[in-house]
Amino acid sequence: MKKWILLIWLFCMQLLAVHAENEYYTIFKVGSNICTPVTLKTPYGNYTIHTEITIPNSLSWFEAFDCEGKKIMDTGGKVSVGTGKPTVRIYYLTTLFPHADNETPRSDNESYTPSTRNSFSNPEWTEKTAEALVDLTEAKGWNHESHSIYLEAGYGFAYGNAGIRLKYISPVVFGLTASFGYNTQYKPERIDDKQYLWNVGIQLHLSKFLAIGMYGGPQYFSKYNKSEIGFGAMLEYSHQIYKRLGVTGGVGFVIAAEEASKNPQTLFAFHAGISYNLFSN
């Protein structure tokens, strides 16, 4: 067990060393068809753009207006991610909102809320619906706009006891995990015991931080004095604490599957670990 704890600690230190090399930059480029200067409002303040600007932060939201006060659409951006290299996201400001003549930059003390209109003509209704969906997505933390892969180390049923797991999150908030770990309750004298355990799972992400996970894999059950296949359900929480480094955990239960017809044993289960974002695109 001490050997595994040392390995996990060394793994964490290696992640921190690699992580120190990664930074985040947001770049805005103004199209030739947009009237400049462009006014850009962000959580970090207001900026004036003539052709291009680089902001050394990740932005949770922004608003852009051309020289006549017309609002510019967020048409998405291009993300560049690489191990040991800065994460760069580029936005191209090239398209105005339809009928955006009445859009004006909000004051610094004005809250970030979508504009309201009494007219529901088709272009305005489309714009209003789009803004409402964007605001709801950001408020709920559902804006997983990229494919993400995480490498995690932790303890619990979802990690194959004490082990590592690979986690994938899709843009539609579904996730898949596969893990392999060492059984800390292993005893050679138990005939049906297993020294190494695996686990697979699928998650539904309710928000940026919460998810419901369903898992399957071998687990030691004291009632049967052996390791056998079990199925578990977990309420999980994850949080990014420093750039690519995060923590994760969950609580739930595991039920023995092979003894389902014999009053199967049900166990309280939890897991806790650290995660590192290997890839986002």
C-alpha atoms as a PDB file:
ATOM      1  CA  MET A   1       0.000   0.000   0.000  1.00  0.00           C
ATOM      2  CA  LYS A   2       2.887   2.380   0.809  1.00  0.00           C
ATOM      3  CA  LYS A   3       4.299   1.687  -2.637  1.00  0.00           C
ATOM      4  CA  TRP A   4       1.028   2.762  -4.292  1.00  0.00           C
ATOM      5  CA  ILE A   5       0.778   5.901  -2.185  1.00  0.00           C
ATOM      6  CA  LEU A   6       4.361   6.827  -3.188  1.00  0.00           C
ATOM      7  CA  LEU A   7       3.592   6.209  -6.868  1.00  0.00           C
ATOM      8  CA  ILE A   8       0.448   8.365  -6.709  1.00  0.00           C
ATOM      9  CA  TRP A   9       2.395  11.128  -4.925  1.00  0.00           C
ATOM     10  CA  LEU A  10       5.136  11.037  -7.596  1.00  0.00           C
ATOM     11  CA  PHE A  11       2.454  11.119 -10.264  1.00  0.00           C
ATOM     12  CA  CYS A  12       0.944  14.247  -8.700  1.00  0.00           C
ATOM     13  CA  MET A  13       4.303  15.962  -8.536  1.00  0.00           C
ATOM     14  CA  GLN A  14       4.965  15.172 -12.193  1.00  0.00           C
ATOM     15  CA  LEU A  15       1.601  16.623 -13.175  1.00  0.00           C
ATOM     16  CA  LEU A  16       2.334  19.826 -11.274  1.00  0.00           C
ATOM     17  CA  ALA A  17       5.701  20.156 -13.002  1.00  0.00           C
ATOM     18  CA  VAL A  18       4.201  19.701 -16.460  1.00  0.00           C
ATOM     19  CA  HIS A  19       1.248  21.876 -15.616  1.00  0.00           C
ATOM     20  CA  ALA A  20       3.461  24.831 -14.704  1.00  0.00           C
ATOM     21  CA  GLU A  21       4.428  25.080 -18.362  1.00  0.00           C
ATOM     22  CA  ASN A  22       0.801  25.559 -19.529  1.00  0.00           C
ATOM     23  CA  GLU A  23      -0.883  28.929 -19.848  1.00  0.00           C
ATOM     24  CA  TYR A  24      -4.131  30.163 -21.415  1.00  0.00           C
ATOM     25  CA  TYR A  25      -4.461  32.934 -23.990  1.00  0.00           C
ATOM     26  CA  THR A  26      -7.582  34.276 -25.684  1.00  0.00           C
ATOM     27  CA  ILE A  27      -7.047  36.044 -29.013  1.00  0.00           C
ATOM     28  CA  PHE A  28      -9.602  38.217 -30.826  1.00  0.00           C
ATOM     29  CA  LYS A  29      -9.179  39.037 -34.511  1.00  0.00           C
ATOM     30  CA  VAL A  30     -11.398  41.625 -36.216  1.00  0.00           C
ATOM     31  CA  GLY A  31     -12.620  40.941 -39.760  1.00  0.00           C
ATOM     32  CA  SER A  32     -12.069  43.501 -42.516  1.00  0.00           C
ATOM     33  CA  ASN A  33     -15.842  43.920 -42.878  1.00  0.00           C
ATOM     34  CA  ILE A  34     -16.260  45.157 -39.274  1.00  0.00           C
ATOM     35  CA  CYS A  35     -16.172  48.864 -38.465  1.00  0.00           C
ATOM     36  CA  THR A  36     -13.321  49.582 -36.030  1.00  0.00           C
ATOM     37  CA  PRO A  37     -12.400  50.283 -33.327  1.00  0.00           C
ATOM     38  CA  VAL A  38     -14.277  47.394 -31.684  1.00  0.00           C
ATOM     39  CA  THR A  39     -15.291  47.647 -28.024  1.00  0.00           C
ATOM     40  CA  LEU A  40     -14.749  44.362 -26.150  1.00  0.00           C
ATOM     41  CA  LYS A  41     -16.268  43.765 -22.702  1.00  0.00           C
ATOM     42  CA  THR A  42     -14.940  40.864 -20.583  1.00  0.00           C
ATOM     43  CA  PRO A  43     -14.852  39.799 -16.912  1.00  0.00           C
ATOM     44  CA  TYR A  44     -11.361  41.347 -16.781  1.00  0.00           C
ATOM     45  CA  GLY A  45     -12.359  44.766 -18.093  1.00  0.00           C
ATOM     46  CA  ASN A  46     -12.967  46.605 -21.355  1.00  0.00           C
ATOM     47  CA  TYR A  47     -10.662  46.597 -24.356  1.00  0.00           C
ATOM     48  CA  THR A  48     -10.455  48.501 -27.645  1.00  0.00           C
ATOM     49  CA  ILE A  49      -9.494  46.455 -30.706  1.00  0.00           C
ATOM     50  CA  HIS A  50      -8.386  47.782 -34.085  1.00  0.00           C
ATOM     51  CA  THR A  51      -7.163  44.562 -35.667  1.00  0.00           C
ATOM     52  CA  GLU A  52      -6.174  42.018 -33.011  1.00  0.00           C
ATOM     53  CA  ILE A  53      -5.712  41.638 -29.250  1.00  0.00           C
ATOM     54  CA  THR A  54      -4.363  38.907 -26.950  1.00  0.00           C
ATOM     55  CA  ILE A  55      -5.750  38.478 -23.422  1.00  0.00           C
ATOM     56  CA  PRO A  56      -3.785  36.157 -21.062  1.00  0.00           C
ATOM     57  CA  ASN A  57      -6.901  34.604 -19.542  1.00  0.00           C
ATOM     58  CA  SER A  58      -9.722  32.188 -20.245  1.00  0.00           C
ATOM     59  CA  LEU A  59     -13.003  34.113 -20.659  1.00  0.00           C
ATOM     60  CA  SER A  60     -16.319  32.857 -19.272  1.00  0.00           C
ATOM     61  CA  TRP A  61     -18.142  35.463 -21.391  1.00  0.00           C
ATOM     62  CA  PHE A  62     -17.558  38.466 -23.586  1.00  0.00           C
ATOM     63  CA  GLU A  63     -19.452  41.055 -25.641  1.00  0.00           C
ATOM     64  CA  ALA A  64     -18.151  42.874 -28.697  1.00  0.00           C
ATOM     65  CA  PHE A  65     -19.538  45.986 -30.448  1.00  0.00           C
ATOM     66  CA  ASP A  66     -18.363  47.684 -33.622  1.00  0.00           C
ATOM     67  CA  CYS A  67     -17.604  51.423 -33.958  1.00  0.00           C
ATOM     68  CA  GLU A  68     -21.338  52.183 -34.394  1.00  0.00           C
ATOM     69  CA  GLY A  69     -22.378  50.244 -31.295  1.00  0.00           C
ATOM     70  CA  LYS A  70     -23.734  47.257 -33.227  1.00  0.00           C
ATOM     71  CA  LYS A  71     -23.316  43.932 -31.445  1.00  0.00           C
ATOM     72  CA  ILE A  72     -20.984  41.323 -32.970  1.00  0.00           C
ATOM     73  CA  MET A  73     -21.926  37.649 -32.858  1.00  0.00           C
ATOM     74  CA  ASP A  74     -19.843  35.024 -31.091  1.00  0.00           C
ATOM     75  CA  THR A  75     -19.364  32.545 -33.946  1.00  0.00           C
ATOM     76  CA  GLY A  76     -17.182  30.215 -31.926  1.00  0.00           C
ATOM     77  CA  GLY A  77     -13.447  29.917 -31.849  1.00  0.00           C
ATOM     78  CA  LYS A  78     -10.506  27.691 -32.604  1.00  0.00           C
ATOM     79  CA  VAL A  79      -8.684  26.050 -29.699  1.00  0.00           C
ATOM     80  CA  SER A  80      -5.065  24.913 -29.759  1.00  0.00           C
ATOM     81  CA  VAL A  81      -3.934  22.616 -26.928  1.00  0.00           C
ATOM     82  CA  GLY A  82      -0.630  20.821 -26.489  1.00  0.00           C
ATOM     83  CA  THR A  83       1.291  19.296 -23.599  1.00  0.00           C
ATOM     84  CA  GLY A  84       3.927  21.740 -22.405  1.00  0.00           C
ATOM     85  CA  LYS A  85       2.491  24.481 -24.635  1.00  0.00           C
ATOM     86  CA  PRO A  86       0.067  27.337 -23.890  1.00  0.00           C
ATOM     87  CA  THR A  87      -3.620  26.778 -24.553  1.00  0.00           C
ATOM     88  CA  VAL A  88      -4.722  29.322 -27.170  1.00  0.00           C
ATOM     89  CA  ARG A  89      -8.291  30.127 -28.182  1.00  0.00           C
ATOM     90  CA  ILE A  90      -8.896  32.397 -31.173  1.00  0.00           C
ATOM     91  CA  TYR A  91     -12.179  34.238 -31.857  1.00  0.00           C
ATOM     92  CA  TYR A  92     -12.857  35.803 -35.255  1.00  0.00           C
ATOM     93  CA  LEU A  93     -15.137  38.856 -35.027  1.00  0.00           C
ATOM     94  CA  THR A  94     -16.678  38.908 -38.492  1.00  0.00           C
ATOM     95  CA  THR A  95     -20.491  38.850 -38.161  1.00  0.00           C
ATOM     96  CA  LEU A  96     -23.015  41.343 -36.768  1.00  0.00           C
ATOM     97  CA  PHE A  97     -26.260  40.289 -35.121  1.00  0.00           C
ATOM     98  CA  PRO A  98     -29.253  40.676 -37.486  1.00  0.00           C
ATOM     99  CA  HIS A  99     -31.084  43.990 -36.842  1.00  0.00           C
ATOM    100  CA  ALA A 100     -28.565  44.865 -34.115  1.00  0.00           C
ATOM    101  CA  ASP A 101     -28.914  48.638 -34.600  1.00  0.00           C
ATOM    102  CA  ASN A 102     -30.364  49.085 -31.132  1.00  0.00           C
ATOM    103  CA  GLU A 103     -27.619  47.060 -29.405  1.00  0.00           C
ATOM    104  CA  THR A 104     -25.310  49.269 -27.362  1.00  0.00           C
ATOM    105  CA  PRO A 105     -22.492  48.340 -24.971  1.00  0.00           C
ATOM    106  CA  ARG A 106     -23.666  47.982 -21.403  1.00  0.00           C
ATOM    107  CA  SER A 107     -22.168  50.102 -18.647  1.00  0.00           C
ATOM    108  CA  ASP A 108     -19.569  48.621 -16.325  1.00  0.00           C
ATOM    109  CA  ASN A 109     -22.052  48.336 -13.439  1.00  0.00           C
ATOM    110  CA  GLU A 110     -24.763  46.749 -15.538  1.00  0.00           C
ATOM    111  CA  SER A 111     -25.314  43.028 -15.079  1.00  0.00           C
ATOM    112  CA  TYR A 112     -24.782  40.570 -17.898  1.00  0.00           C
ATOM    113  CA  THR A 113     -28.334  39.760 -19.038  1.00  0.00           C
ATOM    114  CA  PRO A 114     -29.818  39.204 -22.475  1.00  0.00           C
ATOM    115  CA  SER A 115     -31.640  42.144 -24.040  1.00  0.00           C
ATOM    116  CA  THR A 116     -35.449  42.156 -24.026  1.00  0.00           C
ATOM    117  CA  ARG A 117     -37.646  43.151 -26.904  1.00  0.00           C
ATOM    118  CA  ASN A 118     -41.375  43.398 -27.513  1.00  0.00           C
ATOM    119  CA  SER A 119     -41.060  42.507 -31.192  1.00  0.00           C
ATOM    120  CA  PHE A 120     -40.910  38.841 -32.183  1.00  0.00           C
ATOM    121  CA  SER A 121     -40.117  39.116 -35.864  1.00  0.00           C
ATOM    122  CA  ASN A 122     -38.183  36.118 -37.097  1.00  0.00           C
ATOM    123  CA  PRO A 123     -34.573  37.481 -36.994  1.00  0.00           C
ATOM    124  CA  GLU A 124     -35.063  39.117 -33.589  1.00  0.00           C
ATOM    125  CA  TRP A 125     -36.776  36.029 -32.161  1.00  0.00           C
ATOM    126  CA  THR A 126     -33.869  33.878 -33.375  1.00  0.00           C
ATOM    127  CA  GLU A 127     -31.337  36.221 -31.789  1.00  0.00           C
ATOM    128  CA  LYS A 128     -33.245  36.373 -28.514  1.00  0.00           C
ATOM    129  CA  THR A 129     -33.586  32.585 -28.349  1.00  0.00           C
ATOM    130  CA  ALA A 130     -29.888  32.102 -29.088  1.00  0.00           C
ATOM    131  CA  GLU A 131     -28.851  34.580 -26.381  1.00  0.00           C
ATOM    132  CA  ALA A 132     -31.190  32.950 -23.837  1.00  0.00           C
ATOM    133  CA  LEU A 133     -29.765  29.489 -24.557  1.00  0.00           C
ATOM    134  CA  VAL A 134     -26.180  30.760 -24.290  1.00  0.00           C
ATOM    135  CA  ASP A 135     -26.927  32.449 -20.947  1.00  0.00           C
ATOM    136  CA  LEU A 136     -28.652  29.323 -19.600  1.00  0.00           C
ATOM    137  CA  THR A 137     -25.788  27.103 -20.735  1.00  0.00           C
ATOM    138  CA  GLU A 138     -23.163  29.319 -19.060  1.00  0.00           C
ATOM    139  CA  ALA A 139     -25.240  29.700 -15.876  1.00  0.00           C
ATOM    140  CA  LYS A 140     -25.667  25.923 -15.548  1.00  0.00           C
ATOM    141  CA  GLY A 141     -22.098  25.151 -16.563  1.00  0.00           C
ATOM    142  CA  TRP A 142     -23.239  23.051 -19.514  1.00  0.00           C
ATOM    143  CA  ASN A 143     -20.886  24.771 -21.962  1.00  0.00           C
ATOM    144  CA  HIS A 144     -18.710  21.728 -22.580  1.00  0.00           C
ATOM    145  CA  GLU A 145     -17.857  22.873 -26.066  1.00  0.00           C
ATOM    146  CA  SER A 146     -15.002  20.487 -26.672  1.00  0.00           C
ATOM    147  CA  HIS A 147     -13.980  16.862 -26.443  1.00  0.00           C
ATOM    148  CA  SER A 148     -11.914  16.413 -23.270  1.00  0.00           C
ATOM    149  CA  ILE A 149      -9.708  13.589 -22.009  1.00  0.00           C
ATOM    150  CA  TYR A 150      -8.543  13.373 -18.383  1.00  0.00           C
ATOM    151  CA  LEU A 151      -6.037  11.113 -16.640  1.00  0.00           C
ATOM    152  CA  GLU A 152      -6.888  10.513 -12.988  1.00  0.00           C
ATOM    153  CA  ALA A 153      -5.374   8.748  -9.989  1.00  0.00           C
ATOM    154  CA  GLY A 154      -7.477   7.868  -6.963  1.00  0.00           C
ATOM    155  CA  TYR A 155      -9.065   5.397  -4.593  1.00  0.00           C
ATOM    156  CA  GLY A 156     -12.478   3.755  -4.705  1.00  0.00           C
ATOM    157  CA  PHE A 157     -14.733   1.468  -6.733  1.00  0.00           C
ATOM    158  CA  ALA A 158     -14.564   3.735  -9.790  1.00  0.00           C
ATOM    159  CA  TYR A 159     -10.747   3.429  -9.796  1.00  0.00           C
ATOM    160  CA  GLY A 160     -10.516  -0.348  -9.428  1.00  0.00           C
ATOM    161  CA  ASN A 161      -9.769   0.253  -5.734  1.00  0.00           C
ATOM    162  CA  ALA A 162      -6.384   2.102  -5.778  1.00  0.00           C
ATOM    163  CA  GLY A 163      -5.548   2.918  -9.360  1.00  0.00           C
ATOM    164  CA  ILE A 164      -5.721   5.169 -12.374  1.00  0.00           C
ATOM    165  CA  ARG A 165      -8.501   5.858 -14.847  1.00  0.00           C
ATOM    166  CA  LEU A 166      -8.933   7.506 -18.203  1.00  0.00           C
ATOM    167  CA  LYS A 167     -12.001   9.744 -18.594  1.00  0.00           C
ATOM    168  CA  TYR A 168     -13.554  11.126 -21.762  1.00  0.00           C
ATOM    169  CA  ILE A 169     -16.215  13.897 -21.776  1.00  0.00           C
ATOM    170  CA  SER A 170     -18.104  14.667 -24.972  1.00  0.00           C
ATOM    171  CA  PRO A 171     -19.593  18.066 -25.970  1.00  0.00           C
ATOM    172  CA  VAL A 172     -23.067  16.637 -25.264  1.00  0.00           C
ATOM    173  CA  VAL A 173     -22.108  16.099 -21.586  1.00  0.00           C
ATOM    174  CA  PHE A 174     -21.897  12.317 -21.680  1.00  0.00           C
ATOM    175  CA  GLY A 175     -18.738  10.727 -20.354  1.00  0.00           C
ATOM    176  CA  LEU A 176     -16.954   7.367 -20.445  1.00  0.00           C
ATOM    177  CA  THR A 177     -14.312   6.028 -18.051  1.00  0.00           C
ATOM    178  CA  ALA A 178     -12.004   3.004 -17.891  1.00  0.00           C
ATOM    179  CA  SER A 179      -9.782   2.249 -14.905  1.00  0.00           C
ATOM    180  CA  PHE A 180      -7.307  -0.298 -13.599  1.00  0.00           C
ATOM    181  CA  GLY A 181      -6.164  -0.626 -10.011  1.00  0.00           C
ATOM    182  CA  TYR A 182      -4.667  -2.674  -7.211  1.00  0.00           C
ATOM    183  CA  ASN A 183      -6.959  -4.448  -4.739  1.00  0.00           C
ATOM    184  CA  THR A 184      -5.785  -3.218  -1.320  1.00  0.00           C
ATOM    185  CA  GLN A 185      -7.952  -5.912   0.372  1.00  0.00           C
ATOM    186  CA  TYR A 186      -6.339  -8.743  -1.574  1.00  0.00           C
ATOM    187  CA  LYS A 187      -5.309 -11.861   0.356  1.00  0.00           C
ATOM    188  CA  PRO A 188      -3.597 -14.759  -1.426  1.00  0.00           C
ATOM    189  CA  GLU A 189      -5.306 -17.348   0.797  1.00  0.00           C
ATOM    190  CA  ARG A 190      -8.728 -16.383  -0.604  1.00  0.00           C
ATOM    191  CA  ILE A 191      -9.304 -18.620  -3.624  1.00  0.00           C
ATOM    192  CA  ASP A 192     -11.653 -16.291  -5.498  1.00  0.00           C
ATOM    193  CA  ASP A 193      -9.870 -13.054  -4.687  1.00  0.00           C
ATOM    194  CA  LYS A 194      -8.281 -10.848  -7.358  1.00  0.00           C
ATOM    195  CA  GLN A 195      -5.112  -8.815  -6.905  1.00  0.00           C
ATOM    196  CA  TYR A 196      -5.874  -6.368  -9.710  1.00  0.00           C
ATOM    197  CA  LEU A 197      -9.275  -4.893 -10.487  1.00  0.00           C
ATOM    198  CA  TRP A 198     -10.789  -3.082 -13.467  1.00  0.00           C
ATOM    199  CA  ASN A 199     -13.778  -0.801 -13.803  1.00  0.00           C
ATOM    200  CA  VAL A 200     -15.753   0.859 -16.595  1.00  0.00           C
ATOM    201  CA  GLY A 201     -18.393   3.545 -16.356  1.00  0.00           C
ATOM    202  CA  ILE A 202     -20.659   6.010 -18.102  1.00  0.00           C
ATOM    203  CA  GLN A 203     -21.594   9.452 -16.756  1.00  0.00           C
ATOM    204  CA  LEU A 204     -24.292  12.021 -17.376  1.00  0.00           C
ATOM    205  CA  HIS A 205     -22.984  15.485 -16.492  1.00  0.00           C
ATOM    206  CA  LEU A 206     -25.750  17.527 -14.863  1.00  0.00           C
ATOM    207  CA  SER A 207     -23.557  20.631 -14.717  1.00  0.00           C
ATOM    208  CA  LYS A 208     -19.925  21.656 -14.972  1.00  0.00           C
ATOM    209  CA  PHE A 209     -19.326  20.188 -11.509  1.00  0.00           C
ATOM    210  CA  LEU A 210     -21.918  17.442 -10.930  1.00  0.00           C
ATOM    211  CA  ALA A 211     -22.526  14.131 -12.687  1.00  0.00           C
ATOM    212  CA  ILE A 212     -24.382  10.857 -12.187  1.00  0.00           C
ATOM    213  CA  GLY A 213     -22.190   7.838 -12.884  1.00  0.00           C
ATOM    214  CA  MET A 214     -23.022   4.156 -13.476  1.00  0.00           C
ATOM    215  CA  TYR A 215     -20.112   1.737 -12.993  1.00  0.00           C
ATOM    216  CA  GLY A 216     -19.345  -1.932 -13.352  1.00  0.00           C
ATOM    217  CA  GLY A 217     -16.379  -4.051 -12.303  1.00  0.00           C
ATOM    218  CA  PRO A 218     -15.060  -6.516  -9.714  1.00  0.00           C
ATOM    219  CA  GLN A 219     -15.310  -5.573  -6.044  1.00  0.00           C
ATOM    220  CA  TYR A 220     -14.500  -7.402  -2.823  1.00  0.00           C
ATOM    221  CA  PHE A 221     -17.665  -8.396  -0.942  1.00  0.00           C
ATOM    222  CA  SER A 222     -17.107  -9.510   2.648  1.00  0.00           C
ATOM    223  CA  LYS A 223     -20.426 -11.421   2.725  1.00  0.00           C
ATOM    224  CA  TYR A 224     -19.078 -13.848   0.126  1.00  0.00           C
ATOM    225  CA  ASN A 225     -15.396 -13.469   1.114  1.00  0.00           C
ATOM    226  CA  LYS A 226     -14.394 -12.955  -2.519  1.00  0.00           C
ATOM    227  CA  SER A 227     -14.142 -10.422  -5.320  1.00  0.00           C
ATOM    228  CA  GLU A 228     -16.925 -10.555  -7.896  1.00  0.00           C
ATOM    229  CA  ILE A 229     -18.631  -8.314 -10.437  1.00  0.00           C
ATOM    230  CA  GLY A 230     -20.623  -5.468  -8.955  1.00  0.00           C
ATOM    231  CA  PHE A 231     -22.640  -2.568 -10.316  1.00  0.00           C
ATOM    232  CA  GLY A 232     -22.632   0.873  -8.732  1.00  0.00           C
ATOM    233  CA  ALA A 233     -24.303   4.270  -8.974  1.00  0.00           C
ATOM    234  CA  MET A 234     -22.539   7.458  -7.871  1.00  0.00           C
ATOM    235  CA  LEU A 235     -23.241  11.149  -7.490  1.00  0.00           C
ATOM    236  CA  GLU A 236     -19.956  12.764  -8.480  1.00  0.00           C
ATOM    237  CA  TYR A 237     -18.323  16.154  -8.095  1.00  0.00           C
ATOM    238  CA  SER A 238     -15.303  17.498  -9.950  1.00  0.00           C
ATOM    239  CA  HIS A 239     -13.565  20.852  -9.768  1.00  0.00           C
ATOM    240  CA  GLN A 240     -10.624  22.429 -11.565  1.00  0.00           C
ATOM    241  CA  ILE A 241      -8.283  23.871  -8.934  1.00  0.00           C
ATOM    242  CA  TYR A 242      -5.330  25.109 -10.989  1.00  0.00           C
ATOM    243  CA  LYS A 243      -5.275  25.357 -14.777  1.00  0.00           C
ATOM    244  CA  ARG A 244      -5.388  21.716 -15.949  1.00  0.00           C
ATOM    245  CA  LEU A 245      -5.218  20.152 -12.481  1.00  0.00           C
ATOM    246  CA  GLY A 246      -8.432  19.222 -10.658  1.00  0.00           C
ATOM    247  CA  VAL A 247      -9.997  17.077  -7.946  1.00  0.00           C
ATOM    248  CA  THR A 248     -12.895  14.667  -8.169  1.00  0.00           C
ATOM    249  CA  GLY A 249     -14.973  12.525  -5.842  1.00  0.00           C
ATOM    250  CA  GLY A 250     -18.249  10.677  -5.513  1.00  0.00           C
ATOM    251  CA  VAL A 251     -20.575   8.808  -3.155  1.00  0.00           C
ATOM    252  CA  GLY A 252     -23.111   6.080  -3.836  1.00  0.00           C
ATOM    253  CA  PHE A 253     -23.537   2.327  -3.567  1.00  0.00           C
ATOM    254  CA  VAL A 254     -22.331  -0.929  -5.111  1.00  0.00           C
ATOM    255  CA  ILE A 255     -24.413  -4.094  -5.355  1.00  0.00           C
ATOM    256  CA  ALA A 256     -23.146  -7.638  -6.000  1.00  0.00           C
ATOM    257  CA  ALA A 257     -24.253  -8.782  -9.437  1.00  0.00           C
ATOM    258  CA  GLU A 258     -23.270 -12.458  -9.442  1.00  0.00           C
ATOM    259  CA  GLU A 259     -25.324 -13.182  -6.302  1.00  0.00           C
ATOM    260  CA  ALA A 260     -28.399 -11.240  -7.421  1.00  0.00           C
ATOM    261  CA  SER A 261     -30.780 -14.127  -6.672  1.00  0.00           C
ATOM    262  CA  LYS A 262     -29.437 -14.663  -3.147  1.00  0.00           C
ATOM    263  CA  ASN A 263     -30.157 -11.384  -1.343  1.00  0.00           C
ATOM    264  CA  PRO A 264     -27.087  -9.633  -2.828  1.00  0.00           C
ATOM    265  CA  GLN A 265     -24.835  -7.578  -0.589  1.00  0.00           C
ATOM    266  CA  THR A 266     -25.039  -3.816  -1.050  1.00  0.00           C
ATOM    267  CA  LEU A 267     -22.122  -1.617  -0.015  1.00  0.00           C
ATOM    268  CA  PHE A 268     -21.768   2.093   0.599  1.00  0.00           C
ATOM    269  CA  ALA A 269     -19.168   3.332  -1.863  1.00  0.00           C
ATOM    270  CA  PHE A 270     -17.104   6.439  -2.430  1.00  0.00           C
ATOM    271  CA  HIS A 271     -14.149   7.513  -4.485  1.00  0.00           C
ATOM    272  CA  ALA A 272     -11.708  10.415  -4.453  1.00  0.00           C
ATOM    273  CA  GLY A 273      -8.889  11.388  -6.761  1.00  0.00           C
ATOM    274  CA  ILE A 274      -6.959  14.004  -8.666  1.00  0.00           C
ATOM    275  CA  SER A 275      -7.339  14.677 -12.392  1.00  0.00           C
ATOM    276  CA  TYR A 276      -5.246  16.185 -15.148  1.00  0.00           C
ATOM    277  CA  ASN A 277      -6.648  17.465 -18.437  1.00  0.00           C
ATOM    278  CA  LEU A 278      -4.589  15.761 -21.138  1.00  0.00           C
ATOM    279  CA  PHE A 279      -6.497  17.079 -24.125  1.00  0.00           C
ATOM    280  CA  SER A 280      -9.319  19.431 -25.142  1.00  0.00           C
ATOM    281  CA  ASN A 281     -10.312  20.184 -28.710  1.00  0.00           C
END
